[in-house]
Amino acid sequence: MGKGPGLYTEIGKKARDLLYKDYQSDHKFSITTYSPTGVVITSSGSKKGDLFLADVNTQLKNKNVTTDIKVDTNSNLFTTITVDEAAPGLKTILSFRVPDQRSGKLEVQYLHDFAGISTSVGLTANPIVNFSGVVGTNILALGTDVSFDTKTGDFTKCNAGLSFTNDDLVASLNLNDKGDNLSASYYHIVSPLTSTAVGAEVNHSFSTNENTITVGTQHRLDPLTSVKARINNFGKASALLQHEWRPKSLFTVSGEVDTKSVDKGAKFGLALALKP
């Protein structure tokens, strides 16, 4: 375990990654190339039904400054400039999109042995200000995540979270949507040698009185191949197979079926990531 409680986004992340990461119903392809000068270019495309989306991302690094420039098929230009360790534990991120003049955002992150803080503000006349903070240790942490719209004077987001981390177990509790949604998650490493783990997430909506329960597991078949599976209380079951056929190059196939309506057919997704 690392030092400090980390940022608010890390509360419950282990369970979310196990239950949702890499699952998809689209077809995706990406290829990454590296130039001798250190420029990294990633071209990717995805097919969603009859719609095909593509983008090209260029990453440049100069000491502690990283610049990411991405152009998509809709002629949008996304730029992110990250300054890491401008001071001990401090990271600054500037992002904006062209031609959207209201998309500019400045974010500052600070990590300490007993705290993790992230503050962002929109670069507009009436910005949305977001603040998230976590206090505690790498074992027990308590945090909050709030957003305030200076134009309307309203809090657009108000969340709170609690996390407990042990050597092989991570448990978290989150209160989201201004107190309307309560989420509890659990992640447990069964066998470190085969990366076998189990996880579960329970969501309760107070407004609809509806519960969503999702359980899942992962297992590494060999050093290059891993499998994952999940199912929820609505009968939707998913499985995933991922193979690293060369270093950092991954082939992933996933599928989902509604066990309560098998006649609807299954959904399948493919992803290929090439990193020479």
C-alpha atoms as a PDB file:
ATOM      1  CA  MET A   1       0.000   0.000   0.000  1.00  0.00           C
ATOM      2  CA  GLY A   2       1.202   3.507  -0.804  1.00  0.00           C
ATOM      3  CA  LYS A   3       1.461   6.400   1.582  1.00  0.00           C
ATOM      4  CA  GLY A   4      -1.499   8.635   2.307  1.00  0.00           C
ATOM      5  CA  PRO A   5      -5.222   8.281   1.597  1.00  0.00           C
ATOM      6  CA  GLY A   6      -4.970   9.368  -2.065  1.00  0.00           C
ATOM      7  CA  LEU A   7      -7.608  11.383  -3.924  1.00  0.00           C
ATOM      8  CA  TYR A   8     -11.388  11.067  -3.583  1.00  0.00           C
ATOM      9  CA  THR A   9     -11.662   9.253  -6.931  1.00  0.00           C
ATOM     10  CA  GLU A  10      -9.689   6.344  -5.454  1.00  0.00           C
ATOM     11  CA  ILE A  11     -12.404   5.528  -2.896  1.00  0.00           C
ATOM     12  CA  GLY A  12     -14.027   2.310  -4.159  1.00  0.00           C
ATOM     13  CA  LYS A  13     -11.851   2.261  -7.313  1.00  0.00           C
ATOM     14  CA  LYS A  14     -10.586  -1.301  -6.799  1.00  0.00           C
ATOM     15  CA  ALA A  15     -14.106  -2.726  -6.796  1.00  0.00           C
ATOM     16  CA  ARG A  16     -15.243  -0.523  -9.716  1.00  0.00           C
ATOM     17  CA  ASP A  17     -12.291  -1.636 -11.844  1.00  0.00           C
ATOM     18  CA  LEU A  18     -12.991  -5.295 -11.141  1.00  0.00           C
ATOM     19  CA  LEU A  19     -16.720  -4.993 -11.890  1.00  0.00           C
ATOM     20  CA  TYR A  20     -16.738  -2.555 -14.839  1.00  0.00           C
ATOM     21  CA  LYS A  21     -13.294  -1.916 -16.358  1.00  0.00           C
ATOM     22  CA  ASP A  22     -12.708  -3.290 -19.903  1.00  0.00           C
ATOM     23  CA  TYR A  23     -16.288  -4.543 -20.297  1.00  0.00           C
ATOM     24  CA  GLN A  24     -17.807  -3.195 -23.519  1.00  0.00           C
ATOM     25  CA  SER A  25     -20.239  -3.923 -26.332  1.00  0.00           C
ATOM     26  CA  ASP A  26     -18.412  -1.926 -29.035  1.00  0.00           C
ATOM     27  CA  HIS A  27     -15.511  -2.690 -31.368  1.00  0.00           C
ATOM     28  CA  LYS A  28     -12.389  -0.712 -30.535  1.00  0.00           C
ATOM     29  CA  PHE A  29      -8.894  -0.495 -32.007  1.00  0.00           C
ATOM     30  CA  SER A  30      -5.891   1.572 -31.007  1.00  0.00           C
ATOM     31  CA  ILE A  31      -2.245   1.699 -31.999  1.00  0.00           C
ATOM     32  CA  THR A  32       0.526   3.578 -30.220  1.00  0.00           C
ATOM     33  CA  THR A  33       3.838   4.614 -31.758  1.00  0.00           C
ATOM     34  CA  TYR A  34       6.905   6.164 -30.134  1.00  0.00           C
ATOM     35  CA  SER A  35       9.324   8.533 -31.836  1.00  0.00           C
ATOM     36  CA  PRO A  36      13.064   8.812 -30.974  1.00  0.00           C
ATOM     37  CA  THR A  37      12.401  12.282 -29.532  1.00  0.00           C
ATOM     38  CA  GLY A  38       9.898  10.898 -27.009  1.00  0.00           C
ATOM     39  CA  VAL A  39       6.678  11.881 -28.779  1.00  0.00           C
ATOM     40  CA  VAL A  40       3.892   9.331 -28.264  1.00  0.00           C
ATOM     41  CA  ILE A  41       1.133   9.131 -30.902  1.00  0.00           C
ATOM     42  CA  THR A  42      -1.994   7.030 -30.302  1.00  0.00           C
ATOM     43  CA  SER A  43      -4.594   6.507 -33.033  1.00  0.00           C
ATOM     44  CA  SER A  44      -7.858   4.890 -32.020  1.00  0.00           C
ATOM     45  CA  GLY A  45     -11.233   4.091 -33.507  1.00  0.00           C
ATOM     46  CA  SER A  46     -14.472   2.620 -32.202  1.00  0.00           C
ATOM     47  CA  LYS A  47     -17.558   1.284 -33.934  1.00  0.00           C
ATOM     48  CA  LYS A  48     -20.862   1.767 -32.126  1.00  0.00           C
ATOM     49  CA  GLY A  49     -23.581   0.221 -34.244  1.00  0.00           C
ATOM     50  CA  ASP A  50     -23.431   2.023 -37.596  1.00  0.00           C
ATOM     51  CA  LEU A  51     -21.433   4.920 -36.136  1.00  0.00           C
ATOM     52  CA  PHE A  52     -17.639   5.000 -36.390  1.00  0.00           C
ATOM     53  CA  LEU A  53     -15.615   7.385 -34.195  1.00  0.00           C
ATOM     54  CA  ALA A  54     -11.886   7.996 -34.384  1.00  0.00           C
ATOM     55  CA  ASP A  55      -9.282  10.227 -32.790  1.00  0.00           C
ATOM     56  CA  VAL A  56      -5.543  10.857 -32.774  1.00  0.00           C
ATOM     57  CA  ASN A  57      -3.751  11.709 -29.543  1.00  0.00           C
ATOM     58  CA  THR A  58      -0.226  13.169 -29.408  1.00  0.00           C
ATOM     59  CA  GLN A  59       1.677  13.253 -26.136  1.00  0.00           C
ATOM     60  CA  LEU A  60       4.823  15.312 -25.582  1.00  0.00           C
ATOM     61  CA  LYS A  61       6.937  15.278 -22.421  1.00  0.00           C
ATOM     62  CA  ASN A  62       9.500  17.856 -21.362  1.00  0.00           C
ATOM     63  CA  LYS A  63      10.907  17.266 -17.886  1.00  0.00           C
ATOM     64  CA  ASN A  64       7.867  17.451 -15.565  1.00  0.00           C
ATOM     65  CA  VAL A  65       5.470  18.923 -18.160  1.00  0.00           C
ATOM     66  CA  THR A  66       3.237  16.603 -20.213  1.00  0.00           C
ATOM     67  CA  THR A  67       1.104  17.927 -23.071  1.00  0.00           C
ATOM     68  CA  ASP A  68      -1.679  15.828 -24.601  1.00  0.00           C
ATOM     69  CA  ILE A  69      -3.346  16.986 -27.827  1.00  0.00           C
ATOM     70  CA  LYS A  70      -6.252  14.973 -29.253  1.00  0.00           C
ATOM     71  CA  VAL A  71      -8.271  15.527 -32.430  1.00  0.00           C
ATOM     72  CA  ASP A  72     -11.465  13.552 -33.122  1.00  0.00           C
ATOM     73  CA  THR A  73     -13.642  12.959 -36.172  1.00  0.00           C
ATOM     74  CA  ASN A  74     -15.887  15.902 -35.217  1.00  0.00           C
ATOM     75  CA  SER A  75     -12.928  18.313 -35.575  1.00  0.00           C
ATOM     76  CA  ASN A  76     -12.766  18.894 -31.838  1.00  0.00           C
ATOM     77  CA  LEU A  77      -9.327  19.684 -30.439  1.00  0.00           C
ATOM     78  CA  PHE A  78      -8.714  18.577 -26.845  1.00  0.00           C
ATOM     79  CA  THR A  79      -5.613  19.852 -25.074  1.00  0.00           C
ATOM     80  CA  THR A  80      -4.389  18.892 -21.602  1.00  0.00           C
ATOM     81  CA  ILE A  81      -1.225  20.291 -20.012  1.00  0.00           C
ATOM     82  CA  THR A  82      -0.029  18.587 -16.826  1.00  0.00           C
ATOM     83  CA  VAL A  83       2.727  19.945 -14.595  1.00  0.00           C
ATOM     84  CA  ASP A  84       3.825  17.245 -12.161  1.00  0.00           C
ATOM     85  CA  GLU A  85       5.704  17.960  -8.933  1.00  0.00           C
ATOM     86  CA  ALA A  86       5.855  21.734  -9.410  1.00  0.00           C
ATOM     87  CA  ALA A  87       6.222  21.520  -5.634  1.00  0.00           C
ATOM     88  CA  PRO A  88       6.404  18.359  -3.491  1.00  0.00           C
ATOM     89  CA  GLY A  89       3.084  16.494  -3.848  1.00  0.00           C
ATOM     90  CA  LEU A  90       1.580  19.133  -6.180  1.00  0.00           C
ATOM     91  CA  LYS A  91       0.156  18.562  -9.666  1.00  0.00           C
ATOM     92  CA  THR A  92      -1.460  21.172 -11.925  1.00  0.00           C
ATOM     93  CA  ILE A  93      -3.694  20.277 -14.888  1.00  0.00           C
ATOM     94  CA  LEU A  94      -4.945  22.744 -17.511  1.00  0.00           C
ATOM     95  CA  SER A  95      -7.468  21.440 -20.049  1.00  0.00           C
ATOM     96  CA  PHE A  96      -9.593  23.007 -22.768  1.00  0.00           C
ATOM     97  CA  ARG A  97     -11.415  22.110 -25.959  1.00  0.00           C
ATOM     98  CA  VAL A  98     -11.631  23.996 -29.232  1.00  0.00           C
ATOM     99  CA  PRO A  99     -14.037  25.379 -30.449  1.00  0.00           C
ATOM    100  CA  ASP A 100     -15.916  25.226 -27.079  1.00  0.00           C
ATOM    101  CA  GLN A 101     -14.854  28.433 -25.327  1.00  0.00           C
ATOM    102  CA  ARG A 102     -16.513  27.407 -22.048  1.00  0.00           C
ATOM    103  CA  SER A 103     -14.603  24.129 -21.725  1.00  0.00           C
ATOM    104  CA  GLY A 104     -11.435  25.523 -20.128  1.00  0.00           C
ATOM    105  CA  LYS A 105     -10.663  24.123 -16.685  1.00  0.00           C
ATOM    106  CA  LEU A 106      -7.770  24.459 -14.234  1.00  0.00           C
ATOM    107  CA  GLU A 107      -7.245  21.719 -11.661  1.00  0.00           C
ATOM    108  CA  VAL A 108      -4.780  21.537  -8.774  1.00  0.00           C
ATOM    109  CA  GLN A 109      -4.050  18.296  -6.933  1.00  0.00           C
ATOM    110  CA  TYR A 110      -2.104  17.942  -3.708  1.00  0.00           C
ATOM    111  CA  LEU A 111      -1.105  14.671  -2.044  1.00  0.00           C
ATOM    112  CA  HIS A 112       0.078  14.457   1.549  1.00  0.00           C
ATOM    113  CA  ASP A 113       0.728  11.558   3.920  1.00  0.00           C
ATOM    114  CA  PHE A 114      -2.551  12.337   5.671  1.00  0.00           C
ATOM    115  CA  ALA A 115      -4.586  14.191   3.025  1.00  0.00           C
ATOM    116  CA  GLY A 116      -5.446  14.305  -0.651  1.00  0.00           C
ATOM    117  CA  ILE A 117      -6.983  17.464  -2.158  1.00  0.00           C
ATOM    118  CA  SER A 118      -8.210  18.261  -5.657  1.00  0.00           C
ATOM    119  CA  THR A 119      -9.700  21.616  -6.671  1.00  0.00           C
ATOM    120  CA  SER A 120     -10.834  22.633 -10.140  1.00  0.00           C
ATOM    121  CA  VAL A 121     -12.419  25.770 -11.544  1.00  0.00           C
ATOM    122  CA  GLY A 122     -13.894  26.471 -14.952  1.00  0.00           C
ATOM    123  CA  LEU A 123     -12.211  29.267 -16.900  1.00  0.00           C
ATOM    124  CA  THR A 124     -15.417  31.220 -17.550  1.00  0.00           C
ATOM    125  CA  ALA A 125     -17.090  34.337 -16.165  1.00  0.00           C
ATOM    126  CA  ASN A 126     -19.410  32.206 -13.977  1.00  0.00           C
ATOM    127  CA  PRO A 127     -17.473  29.008 -13.403  1.00  0.00           C
ATOM    128  CA  ILE A 128     -18.337  25.723 -11.761  1.00  0.00           C
ATOM    129  CA  VAL A 129     -15.991  25.145  -8.832  1.00  0.00           C
ATOM    130  CA  ASN A 130     -15.277  21.598  -7.710  1.00  0.00           C
ATOM    131  CA  PHE A 131     -13.554  20.563  -4.485  1.00  0.00           C
ATOM    132  CA  SER A 132     -12.736  17.098  -3.247  1.00  0.00           C
ATOM    133  CA  GLY A 133     -10.741  16.283  -0.156  1.00  0.00           C
ATOM    134  CA  VAL A 134      -9.737  13.146   1.702  1.00  0.00           C
ATOM    135  CA  VAL A 135      -8.199  12.921   5.170  1.00  0.00           C
ATOM    136  CA  GLY A 136      -6.847   9.862   6.949  1.00  0.00           C
ATOM    137  CA  THR A 137      -4.210   7.257   6.218  1.00  0.00           C
ATOM    138  CA  ASN A 138      -3.638   4.518   3.661  1.00  0.00           C
ATOM    139  CA  ILE A 139      -5.810   2.296   5.896  1.00  0.00           C
ATOM    140  CA  LEU A 140      -8.787   4.478   6.840  1.00  0.00           C
ATOM    141  CA  ALA A 141      -9.880   7.550   4.878  1.00  0.00           C
ATOM    142  CA  LEU A 142     -12.870   9.905   4.881  1.00  0.00           C
ATOM    143  CA  GLY A 143     -13.612  12.310   2.048  1.00  0.00           C
ATOM    144  CA  THR A 144     -16.068  14.599   0.316  1.00  0.00           C
ATOM    145  CA  ASP A 145     -16.651  15.796  -3.253  1.00  0.00           C
ATOM    146  CA  VAL A 146     -18.709  18.932  -3.949  1.00  0.00           C
ATOM    147  CA  SER A 147     -19.373  21.186  -6.965  1.00  0.00           C
ATOM    148  CA  PHE A 148     -20.770  24.712  -6.808  1.00  0.00           C
ATOM    149  CA  ASP A 149     -22.247  26.638  -9.756  1.00  0.00           C
ATOM    150  CA  THR A 150     -21.383  30.303  -9.247  1.00  0.00           C
ATOM    151  CA  LYS A 151     -23.950  31.339 -11.877  1.00  0.00           C
ATOM    152  CA  THR A 152     -26.995  29.780 -10.195  1.00  0.00           C
ATOM    153  CA  GLY A 153     -25.634  29.697  -6.647  1.00  0.00           C
ATOM    154  CA  ASP A 154     -26.472  26.000  -6.322  1.00  0.00           C
ATOM    155  CA  PHE A 155     -24.471  22.955  -5.308  1.00  0.00           C
ATOM    156  CA  THR A 156     -24.599  20.711  -8.370  1.00  0.00           C
ATOM    157  CA  LYS A 157     -22.832  17.822  -6.638  1.00  0.00           C
ATOM    158  CA  CYS A 158     -22.450  16.804  -3.016  1.00  0.00           C
ATOM    159  CA  ASN A 159     -20.927  13.404  -2.248  1.00  0.00           C
ATOM    160  CA  ALA A 160     -19.167  11.787   0.700  1.00  0.00           C
ATOM    161  CA  GLY A 161     -17.132   8.611   1.030  1.00  0.00           C
ATOM    162  CA  LEU A 162     -15.440   6.329   3.540  1.00  0.00           C
ATOM    163  CA  SER A 163     -12.744   3.776   2.710  1.00  0.00           C
ATOM    164  CA  PHE A 164     -11.034   0.972   4.626  1.00  0.00           C
ATOM    165  CA  THR A 165      -7.983  -0.733   3.121  1.00  0.00           C
ATOM    166  CA  ASN A 166      -6.140  -3.806   4.351  1.00  0.00           C
ATOM    167  CA  ASP A 167      -3.391  -5.884   2.722  1.00  0.00           C
ATOM    168  CA  ASP A 168      -5.913  -8.009   0.782  1.00  0.00           C
ATOM    169  CA  LEU A 169      -9.228  -6.226   1.357  1.00  0.00           C
ATOM    170  CA  VAL A 170     -10.746  -2.882   0.383  1.00  0.00           C
ATOM    171  CA  ALA A 171     -14.193  -1.755   1.555  1.00  0.00           C
ATOM    172  CA  SER A 172     -15.882   1.564   0.860  1.00  0.00           C
ATOM    173  CA  LEU A 173     -19.120   3.424   1.511  1.00  0.00           C
ATOM    174  CA  ASN A 174     -20.322   6.355  -0.622  1.00  0.00           C
ATOM    175  CA  LEU A 175     -23.263   8.725  -0.302  1.00  0.00           C
ATOM    176  CA  ASN A 176     -23.916  10.295  -3.729  1.00  0.00           C
ATOM    177  CA  ASP A 177     -26.452  12.457  -5.591  1.00  0.00           C
ATOM    178  CA  LYS A 178     -26.957  14.835  -2.663  1.00  0.00           C
ATOM    179  CA  GLY A 179     -27.821  11.970  -0.337  1.00  0.00           C
ATOM    180  CA  ASP A 180     -30.186  10.134  -2.685  1.00  0.00           C
ATOM    181  CA  ASN A 181     -27.898   7.199  -3.483  1.00  0.00           C
ATOM    182  CA  LEU A 182     -26.011   4.987  -1.032  1.00  0.00           C
ATOM    183  CA  SER A 183     -23.308   2.719  -2.434  1.00  0.00           C
ATOM    184  CA  ALA A 184     -21.227   0.092  -0.645  1.00  0.00           C
ATOM    185  CA  SER A 185     -18.417  -1.854  -2.327  1.00  0.00           C
ATOM    186  CA  TYR A 186     -16.102  -4.696  -1.360  1.00  0.00           C
ATOM    187  CA  TYR A 187     -12.894  -5.999  -2.978  1.00  0.00           C
ATOM    188  CA  HIS A 188     -10.952  -8.988  -1.730  1.00  0.00           C
ATOM    189  CA  ILE A 189      -7.778 -10.598  -3.092  1.00  0.00           C
ATOM    190  CA  VAL A 190      -8.161 -14.375  -2.840  1.00  0.00           C
ATOM    191  CA  SER A 191      -4.832 -15.407  -4.386  1.00  0.00           C
ATOM    192  CA  PRO A 192      -2.082 -12.884  -5.198  1.00  0.00           C
ATOM    193  CA  LEU A 193      -0.172 -15.458  -7.294  1.00  0.00           C
ATOM    194  CA  THR A 194      -3.014 -15.752  -9.847  1.00  0.00           C
ATOM    195  CA  SER A 195      -4.482 -12.258  -9.274  1.00  0.00           C
ATOM    196  CA  THR A 196      -7.707 -13.955  -8.194  1.00  0.00           C
ATOM    197  CA  ALA A 197     -10.089 -11.501  -6.577  1.00  0.00           C
ATOM    198  CA  VAL A 198     -13.784 -11.122  -5.826  1.00  0.00           C
ATOM    199  CA  GLY A 199     -15.796  -7.940  -5.546  1.00  0.00           C
ATOM    200  CA  ALA A 200     -19.308  -6.680  -4.939  1.00  0.00           C
ATOM    201  CA  GLU A 201     -21.208  -3.412  -5.114  1.00  0.00           C
ATOM    202  CA  VAL A 202     -24.615  -2.579  -3.644  1.00  0.00           C
ATOM    203  CA  ASN A 203     -26.458   0.594  -4.674  1.00  0.00           C
ATOM    204  CA  HIS A 204     -29.639   1.834  -3.005  1.00  0.00           C
ATOM    205  CA  SER A 205     -31.707   4.730  -4.341  1.00  0.00           C
ATOM    206  CA  PHE A 206     -33.797   6.422  -1.650  1.00  0.00           C
ATOM    207  CA  SER A 207     -36.047   8.190  -4.191  1.00  0.00           C
ATOM    208  CA  THR A 208     -37.027   4.986  -6.052  1.00  0.00           C
ATOM    209  CA  ASN A 209     -36.348   2.521  -3.203  1.00  0.00           C
ATOM    210  CA  GLU A 210     -34.505   0.352  -5.737  1.00  0.00           C
ATOM    211  CA  ASN A 211     -31.466  -1.795  -5.040  1.00  0.00           C
ATOM    212  CA  THR A 212     -28.807  -2.831  -7.540  1.00  0.00           C
ATOM    213  CA  ILE A 213     -26.439  -5.609  -6.519  1.00  0.00           C
ATOM    214  CA  THR A 214     -23.448  -6.548  -8.676  1.00  0.00           C
ATOM    215  CA  VAL A 215     -20.918  -9.280  -7.872  1.00  0.00           C
ATOM    216  CA  GLY A 216     -17.854 -10.253  -9.880  1.00  0.00           C
ATOM    217  CA  THR A 217     -14.545 -12.063  -9.935  1.00  0.00           C
ATOM    218  CA  GLN A 218     -11.275 -12.099 -11.840  1.00  0.00           C
ATOM    219  CA  HIS A 219      -8.595 -14.760 -12.342  1.00  0.00           C
ATOM    220  CA  ARG A 220      -5.338 -14.991 -14.252  1.00  0.00           C
ATOM    221  CA  LEU A 221      -5.162 -18.219 -16.285  1.00  0.00           C
ATOM    222  CA  ASP A 222      -1.467 -17.726 -17.092  1.00  0.00           C
ATOM    223  CA  PRO A 223       0.988 -14.800 -17.008  1.00  0.00           C
ATOM    224  CA  LEU A 224      -0.520 -13.374 -20.222  1.00  0.00           C
ATOM    225  CA  THR A 225      -4.223 -14.296 -20.019  1.00  0.00           C
ATOM    226  CA  SER A 226      -6.900 -13.246 -17.539  1.00  0.00           C
ATOM    227  CA  VAL A 227     -10.665 -13.685 -17.254  1.00  0.00           C
ATOM    228  CA  LYS A 228     -13.377 -11.713 -15.494  1.00  0.00           C
ATOM    229  CA  ALA A 229     -17.075 -12.305 -14.863  1.00  0.00           C
ATOM    230  CA  ARG A 230     -19.931 -10.426 -13.208  1.00  0.00           C
ATOM    231  CA  ILE A 231     -23.692 -10.656 -12.672  1.00  0.00           C
ATOM    232  CA  ASN A 232     -26.286  -8.350 -11.110  1.00  0.00           C
ATOM    233  CA  ASN A 233     -29.658  -8.903  -9.475  1.00  0.00           C
ATOM    234  CA  PHE A 234     -31.456  -7.982 -12.719  1.00  0.00           C
ATOM    235  CA  GLY A 235     -30.038 -11.095 -14.363  1.00  0.00           C
ATOM    236  CA  LYS A 236     -27.443  -9.433 -16.617  1.00  0.00           C
ATOM    237  CA  ALA A 237     -24.320 -11.612 -16.766  1.00  0.00           C
ATOM    238  CA  SER A 238     -21.047 -10.564 -18.398  1.00  0.00           C
ATOM    239  CA  ALA A 239     -17.718 -12.259 -19.067  1.00  0.00           C
ATOM    240  CA  LEU A 240     -14.382 -11.024 -20.375  1.00  0.00           C
ATOM    241  CA  LEU A 241     -11.191 -12.599 -21.695  1.00  0.00           C
ATOM    242  CA  GLN A 242      -8.029 -10.511 -22.052  1.00  0.00           C
ATOM    243  CA  HIS A 243      -4.745 -11.695 -23.555  1.00  0.00           C
ATOM    244  CA  GLU A 244      -1.431  -9.822 -23.697  1.00  0.00           C
ATOM    245  CA  TRP A 245      -0.070 -11.313 -26.922  1.00  0.00           C
ATOM    246  CA  ARG A 246       3.001  -9.085 -26.785  1.00  0.00           C
ATOM    247  CA  PRO A 247       4.272  -6.599 -24.137  1.00  0.00           C
ATOM    248  CA  LYS A 248       1.595  -3.924 -23.507  1.00  0.00           C
ATOM    249  CA  SER A 249      -0.457  -5.095 -26.526  1.00  0.00           C
ATOM    250  CA  LEU A 250      -3.844  -6.404 -25.405  1.00  0.00           C
ATOM    251  CA  PHE A 251      -6.668  -8.278 -27.102  1.00  0.00           C
ATOM    252  CA  THR A 252      -9.958  -8.207 -25.200  1.00  0.00           C
ATOM    253  CA  VAL A 253     -13.250  -9.934 -25.974  1.00  0.00           C
ATOM    254  CA  SER A 254     -16.301  -9.473 -23.767  1.00  0.00           C
ATOM    255  CA  GLY A 255     -19.953 -10.463 -23.846  1.00  0.00           C
ATOM    256  CA  GLU A 256     -23.173  -9.791 -21.978  1.00  0.00           C
ATOM    257  CA  VAL A 257     -26.411 -11.765 -21.827  1.00  0.00           C
ATOM    258  CA  ASP A 258     -29.716 -11.086 -20.075  1.00  0.00           C
ATOM    259  CA  THR A 259     -30.468 -14.367 -18.313  1.00  0.00           C
ATOM    260  CA  LYS A 260     -34.102 -13.332 -17.871  1.00  0.00           C
ATOM    261  CA  SER A 261     -34.539 -12.685 -21.619  1.00  0.00           C
ATOM    262  CA  VAL A 262     -32.148 -15.040 -23.381  1.00  0.00           C
ATOM    263  CA  ASP A 263     -34.152 -14.727 -26.605  1.00  0.00           C
ATOM    264  CA  LYS A 264     -32.917 -11.140 -26.997  1.00  0.00           C
ATOM    265  CA  GLY A 265     -29.464 -12.435 -27.829  1.00  0.00           C
ATOM    266  CA  ALA A 266     -26.074 -11.580 -26.385  1.00  0.00           C
ATOM    267  CA  LYS A 267     -23.949  -8.472 -26.838  1.00  0.00           C
ATOM    268  CA  PHE A 268     -20.290  -8.838 -27.807  1.00  0.00           C
ATOM    269  CA  GLY A 269     -17.400  -6.395 -27.764  1.00  0.00           C
ATOM    270  CA  LEU A 270     -13.853  -6.527 -29.118  1.00  0.00           C
ATOM    271  CA  ALA A 271     -10.864  -4.350 -28.308  1.00  0.00           C
ATOM    272  CA  LEU A 272      -7.342  -4.447 -29.732  1.00  0.00           C
ATOM    273  CA  ALA A 273      -4.581  -2.228 -28.369  1.00  0.00           C
ATOM    274  CA  LEU A 274      -1.182  -2.304 -30.111  1.00  0.00           C
ATOM    275  CA  LYS A 275       1.893  -0.827 -28.475  1.00  0.00           C
ATOM    276  CA  PRO A 276       5.037  -1.738 -30.475  1.00  0.00           C
END
